[in-house]
Amino acid sequence: MEQVISRLGISPATARRDINKLDESGRLKKVRNGAEAISEQRPRWSPMNIHQGAKP
């Protein structure tokens, strides 16, 4: 967390709020005293992704 605060020049409250929002949106994983990048295991595009919203 300290690294985020110092690199971005933001307050601890802003860092916590932004990390919470990014965690909720699935863009990173919130961990004690900071966050971890999420490695994407599946491709962003696949036929399965396209057809999930289709009605039979």
PDB file of N, CA and C in Angstrom:
ATOM      1  N   MET A   1       0.823  -1.181   0.000  1.00  0.00           N
ATOM      2  CA  MET A   1       0.000   0.000   0.000  1.00  0.00           C
ATOM      3  C   MET A   1       0.871   1.250   0.000  1.00  0.00           C
ATOM      4  N   GLU A   2       1.936   1.226   0.778  1.00  0.00           N
ATOM      5  CA  GLU A   2       2.831   2.389   0.847  1.00  0.00           C
ATOM      6  C   GLU A   2       3.390   2.731  -0.530  1.00  0.00           C
ATOM      7  N   GLN A   3       3.681   1.709  -1.310  1.00  0.00           N
ATOM      8  CA  GLN A   3       4.233   1.935  -2.647  1.00  0.00           C
ATOM      9  C   GLN A   3       3.202   2.620  -3.547  1.00  0.00           C
ATOM     10  N   VAL A   4       1.957   2.206  -3.466  1.00  0.00           N
ATOM     11  CA  VAL A   4       0.889   2.838  -4.252  1.00  0.00           C
ATOM     12  C   VAL A   4       0.748   4.300  -3.851  1.00  0.00           C
ATOM     13  N   ILE A   5       0.730   4.554  -2.565  1.00  0.00           N
ATOM     14  CA  ILE A   5       0.565   5.914  -2.046  1.00  0.00           C
ATOM     15  C   ILE A   5       1.704   6.810  -2.514  1.00  0.00           C
ATOM     16  N   SER A   6       2.931   6.338  -2.386  1.00  0.00           N
ATOM     17  CA  SER A   6       4.074   7.184  -2.752  1.00  0.00           C
ATOM     18  C   SER A   6       4.226   7.343  -4.258  1.00  0.00           C
ATOM     19  N   ARG A   7       4.005   6.290  -5.019  1.00  0.00           N
ATOM     20  CA  ARG A   7       4.153   6.387  -6.480  1.00  0.00           C
ATOM     21  C   ARG A   7       3.086   7.264  -7.113  1.00  0.00           C
ATOM     22  N   LEU A   8       1.875   7.179  -6.602  1.00  0.00           N
ATOM     23  CA  LEU A   8       0.777   7.944  -7.196  1.00  0.00           C
ATOM     24  C   LEU A   8       0.551   9.284  -6.512  1.00  0.00           C
ATOM     25  N   GLY A   9       1.181   9.483  -5.374  1.00  0.00           N
ATOM     26  CA  GLY A   9       1.014  10.739  -4.650  1.00  0.00           C
ATOM     27  C   GLY A   9      -0.409  10.950  -4.160  1.00  0.00           C
ATOM     28  N   ILE A  10      -1.013   9.886  -3.639  1.00  0.00           N
ATOM     29  CA  ILE A  10      -2.394   9.957  -3.165  1.00  0.00           C
ATOM     30  C   ILE A  10      -2.431   9.672  -1.665  1.00  0.00           C
ATOM     31  N   SER A  11      -3.563   9.980  -1.063  1.00  0.00           N
ATOM     32  CA  SER A  11      -3.721   9.744   0.372  1.00  0.00           C
ATOM     33  C   SER A  11      -4.009   8.261   0.631  1.00  0.00           C
ATOM     34  N   PRO A  12      -3.756   7.790   1.844  1.00  0.00           N
ATOM     35  CA  PRO A  12      -4.090   6.404   2.188  1.00  0.00           C
ATOM     36  C   PRO A  12      -5.579   6.094   1.980  1.00  0.00           C
ATOM     37  N   ALA A  13      -6.442   7.057   2.285  1.00  0.00           N
ATOM     38  CA  ALA A  13      -7.887   6.840   2.108  1.00  0.00           C
ATOM     39  C   ALA A  13      -8.229   6.637   0.634  1.00  0.00           C
ATOM     40  N   THR A  14      -7.625   7.432  -0.237  1.00  0.00           N
ATOM     41  CA  THR A  14      -7.867   7.293  -1.678  1.00  0.00           C
ATOM     42  C   THR A  14      -7.347   5.946  -2.170  1.00  0.00           C
ATOM     43  N   ALA A  15      -6.170   5.550  -1.721  1.00  0.00           N
ATOM     44  CA  ALA A  15      -5.600   4.261  -2.127  1.00  0.00           C
ATOM     45  C   ALA A  15      -6.510   3.117  -1.704  1.00  0.00           C
ATOM     46  N   ARG A  16      -6.985   3.135  -0.462  1.00  0.00           N
ATOM     47  CA  ARG A  16      -7.884   2.077   0.021  1.00  0.00           C
ATOM     48  C   ARG A  16      -9.177   2.049  -0.784  1.00  0.00           C
ATOM     49  N   ARG A  17      -9.757   3.208  -1.021  1.00  0.00           N
ATOM     50  CA  ARG A  17     -11.017   3.295  -1.768  1.00  0.00           C
ATOM     51  C   ARG A  17     -10.841   2.757  -3.190  1.00  0.00           C
ATOM     52  N   ASP A  18      -9.761   3.166  -3.854  1.00  0.00           N
ATOM     53  CA  ASP A  18      -9.533   2.721  -5.226  1.00  0.00           C
ATOM     54  C   ASP A  18      -9.232   1.226  -5.297  1.00  0.00           C
ATOM     55  N   ILE A  19      -8.458   0.722  -4.349  1.00  0.00           N
ATOM     56  CA  ILE A  19      -8.173  -0.716  -4.318  1.00  0.00           C
ATOM     57  C   ILE A  19      -9.453  -1.502  -4.076  1.00  0.00           C
ATOM     58  N   ASN A  20     -10.329  -1.020  -3.204  1.00  0.00           N
ATOM     59  CA  ASN A  20     -11.615  -1.690  -2.975  1.00  0.00           C
ATOM     60  C   ASN A  20     -12.446  -1.730  -4.247  1.00  0.00           C
ATOM     61  N   LYS A  21     -12.505  -0.615  -4.971  1.00  0.00           N
ATOM     62  CA  LYS A  21     -13.283  -0.565  -6.218  1.00  0.00           C
ATOM     63  C   LYS A  21     -12.705  -1.514  -7.264  1.00  0.00           C
ATOM     64  N   LEU A  22     -11.389  -1.551  -7.394  1.00  0.00           N
ATOM     65  CA  LEU A  22     -10.755  -2.447  -8.359  1.00  0.00           C
ATOM     66  C   LEU A  22     -10.950  -3.907  -7.971  1.00  0.00           C
ATOM     67  N   ASP A  23     -10.961  -4.205  -6.686  1.00  0.00           N
ATOM     68  CA  ASP A  23     -11.226  -5.562  -6.215  1.00  0.00           C
ATOM     69  C   ASP A  23     -12.661  -5.961  -6.538  1.00  0.00           C
ATOM     70  N   GLU A  24     -13.605  -5.075  -6.278  1.00  0.00           N
ATOM     71  CA  GLU A  24     -15.019  -5.357  -6.547  1.00  0.00           C
ATOM     72  C   GLU A  24     -15.277  -5.577  -8.030  1.00  0.00           C
ATOM     73  N   SER A  25     -14.534  -4.883  -8.883  1.00  0.00           N
ATOM     74  CA  SER A  25     -14.734  -5.025 -10.328  1.00  0.00           C
ATOM     75  C   SER A  25     -13.951  -6.199 -10.911  1.00  0.00           C
ATOM     76  N   GLY A  26     -13.148  -6.872 -10.077  1.00  0.00           N
ATOM     77  CA  GLY A  26     -12.404  -8.032 -10.538  1.00  0.00           C
ATOM     78  C   GLY A  26     -11.111  -7.712 -11.262  1.00  0.00           C
ATOM     79  N   ARG A  27     -10.654  -6.486 -11.171  1.00  0.00           N
ATOM     80  CA  ARG A  27      -9.427  -6.090 -11.875  1.00  0.00           C
ATOM     81  C   ARG A  27      -8.166  -6.404 -11.090  1.00  0.00           C
ATOM     82  N   LEU A  28      -8.302  -6.606  -9.780  1.00  0.00           N
ATOM     83  CA  LEU A  28      -7.188  -7.030  -8.944  1.00  0.00           C
ATOM     84  C   LEU A  28      -7.739  -7.726  -7.726  1.00  0.00           C
ATOM     85  N   LYS A  29      -6.850  -8.350  -6.967  1.00  0.00           N
ATOM     86  CA  LYS A  29      -7.258  -9.052  -5.753  1.00  0.00           C
ATOM     87  C   LYS A  29      -6.718  -8.291  -4.554  1.00  0.00           C
ATOM     88  N   LYS A  30      -7.603  -7.894  -3.675  1.00  0.00           N
ATOM     89  CA  LYS A  30      -7.214  -7.173  -2.471  1.00  0.00           C
ATOM     90  C   LYS A  30      -6.594  -8.158  -1.485  1.00  0.00           C
ATOM     91  N   VAL A  31      -5.425  -7.800  -0.974  1.00  0.00           N
ATOM     92  CA  VAL A  31      -4.748  -8.608   0.034  1.00  0.00           C
ATOM     93  C   VAL A  31      -4.352  -7.696   1.185  1.00  0.00           C
ATOM     94  N   ARG A  32      -3.893  -8.292   2.265  1.00  0.00           N
ATOM     95  CA  ARG A  32      -3.490  -7.494   3.425  1.00  0.00           C
ATOM     96  C   ARG A  32      -2.399  -6.492   3.031  1.00  0.00           C
ATOM     97  N   ASN A  33      -2.620  -5.238   3.347  1.00  0.00           N
ATOM     98  CA  ASN A  33      -1.677  -4.153   3.069  1.00  0.00           C
ATOM     99  C   ASN A  33      -1.433  -3.899   1.589  1.00  0.00           C
ATOM    100  N   GLY A  34      -2.386  -4.231   0.725  1.00  0.00           N
ATOM    101  CA  GLY A  34      -2.192  -3.927  -0.685  1.00  0.00           C
ATOM    102  C   GLY A  34      -3.083  -4.731  -1.600  1.00  0.00           C
ATOM    103  N   ALA A  35      -2.543  -5.049  -2.784  1.00  0.00           N
ATOM    104  CA  ALA A  35      -3.308  -5.756  -3.796  1.00  0.00           C
ATOM    105  C   ALA A  35      -2.368  -6.578  -4.664  1.00  0.00           C
ATOM    106  N   GLU A  36      -2.938  -7.579  -5.336  1.00  0.00           N
ATOM    107  CA  GLU A  36      -2.186  -8.425  -6.258  1.00  0.00           C
ATOM    108  C   GLU A  36      -2.831  -8.357  -7.623  1.00  0.00           C
ATOM    109  N   ALA A  37      -2.007  -8.453  -8.653  1.00  0.00           N
ATOM    110  CA  ALA A  37      -2.526  -8.527 -10.016  1.00  0.00           C
ATOM    111  C   ALA A  37      -3.214  -9.873 -10.194  1.00  0.00           C
ATOM    112  N   ILE A  38      -4.255  -9.880 -11.005  1.00  0.00           N
ATOM    113  CA  ILE A  38      -4.962 -11.115 -11.318  1.00  0.00           C
ATOM    114  C   ILE A  38      -4.494 -11.571 -12.687  1.00  0.00           C
ATOM    115  N   SER A  39      -4.009 -12.803 -12.774  1.00  0.00           N
ATOM    116  CA  SER A  39      -3.621 -13.333 -14.083  1.00  0.00           C
ATOM    117  C   SER A  39      -4.851 -13.966 -14.704  1.00  0.00           C
ATOM    118  N   GLU A  40      -5.109 -13.591 -15.919  1.00  0.00           N
ATOM    119  CA  GLU A  40      -6.291 -14.092 -16.605  1.00  0.00           C
ATOM    120  C   GLU A  40      -5.988 -15.467 -17.176  1.00  0.00           C
ATOM    121  N   GLN A  41      -6.760 -16.454 -16.764  1.00  0.00           N
ATOM    122  CA  GLN A  41      -6.545 -17.827 -17.194  1.00  0.00           C
ATOM    123  C   GLN A  41      -7.224 -18.135 -18.525  1.00  0.00           C
ATOM    124  N   ARG A  42      -8.266 -17.424 -18.830  1.00  0.00           N
ATOM    125  CA  ARG A  42      -9.006 -17.712 -20.058  1.00  0.00           C
ATOM    126  C   ARG A  42      -8.893 -16.525 -21.011  1.00  0.00           C
ATOM    127  N   PRO A  43      -9.017 -16.778 -22.296  1.00  0.00           N
ATOM    128  CA  PRO A  43      -8.958 -15.670 -23.248  1.00  0.00           C
ATOM    129  C   PRO A  43     -10.171 -14.761 -23.093  1.00  0.00           C
ATOM    130  N   ARG A  44     -10.006 -13.506 -23.452  1.00  0.00           N
ATOM    131  CA  ARG A  44     -11.131 -12.571 -23.359  1.00  0.00           C
ATOM    132  C   ARG A  44     -12.227 -12.908 -24.359  1.00  0.00           C
ATOM    133  N   TRP A  45     -11.849 -13.437 -25.498  1.00  0.00           N
ATOM    134  CA  TRP A  45     -12.820 -13.790 -26.524  1.00  0.00           C
ATOM    135  C   TRP A  45     -12.802 -15.289 -26.721  1.00  0.00           C
ATOM    136  N   SER A  46     -13.956 -15.864 -26.790  1.00  0.00           N
ATOM    137  CA  SER A  46     -14.090 -17.265 -27.170  1.00  0.00           C
ATOM    138  C   SER A  46     -15.527 -17.478 -27.614  1.00  0.00           C
ATOM    139  N   PRO A  47     -15.783 -18.500 -28.429  1.00  0.00           N
ATOM    140  CA  PRO A  47     -17.163 -18.759 -28.858  1.00  0.00           C
ATOM    141  C   PRO A  47     -18.106 -18.931 -27.669  1.00  0.00           C
ATOM    142  N   MET A  48     -17.623 -19.536 -26.585  1.00  0.00           N
ATOM    143  CA  MET A  48     -18.449 -19.737 -25.397  1.00  0.00           C
ATOM    144  C   MET A  48     -18.913 -18.396 -24.834  1.00  0.00           C
ATOM    145  N   ASN A  49     -18.025 -17.408 -24.788  1.00  0.00           N
ATOM    146  CA  ASN A  49     -18.389 -16.098 -24.264  1.00  0.00           C
ATOM    147  C   ASN A  49     -19.466 -15.442 -25.112  1.00  0.00           C
ATOM    148  N   ILE A  50     -19.408 -15.621 -26.407  1.00  0.00           N
ATOM    149  CA  ILE A  50     -20.380 -15.000 -27.310  1.00  0.00           C
ATOM    150  C   ILE A  50     -21.752 -15.622 -27.130  1.00  0.00           C
ATOM    151  N   HIS A  51     -21.809 -16.941 -26.989  1.00  0.00           N
ATOM    152  CA  HIS A  51     -23.089 -17.647 -26.950  1.00  0.00           C
ATOM    153  C   HIS A  51     -23.727 -17.705 -25.567  1.00  0.00           C
ATOM    154  N   GLN A  52     -23.057 -17.285 -24.546  1.00  0.00           N
ATOM    155  CA  GLN A  52     -23.627 -17.353 -23.203  1.00  0.00           C
ATOM    156  C   GLN A  52     -24.873 -16.498 -23.071  1.00  0.00           C
ATOM    157  N   GLY A  53     -24.934 -15.380 -23.747  1.00  0.00           N
ATOM    158  CA  GLY A  53     -26.088 -14.499 -23.638  1.00  0.00           C
ATOM    159  C   GLY A  53     -27.186 -14.801 -24.646  1.00  0.00           C
ATOM    160  N   ALA A  54     -26.944 -15.723 -25.567  1.00  0.00           N
ATOM    161  CA  ALA A  54     -27.917 -16.035 -26.619  1.00  0.00           C
ATOM    162  C   ALA A  54     -29.081 -16.835 -26.047  1.00  0.00           C
ATOM    163  N   LYS A  55     -30.268 -16.560 -26.567  1.00  0.00           N
ATOM    164  CA  LYS A  55     -31.455 -17.312 -26.156  1.00  0.00           C
ATOM    165  C   LYS A  55     -31.625 -18.512 -27.078  1.00  0.00           C
ATOM    166  N   PRO A  56     -32.026 -19.660 -26.540  1.00  0.00           N
ATOM    167  CA  PRO A  56     -32.206 -20.864 -27.384  1.00  0.00           C
ATOM    168  C   PRO A  56     -33.406 -20.756 -28.284  1.00  0.00           C
TER     169      PRO A  56
END
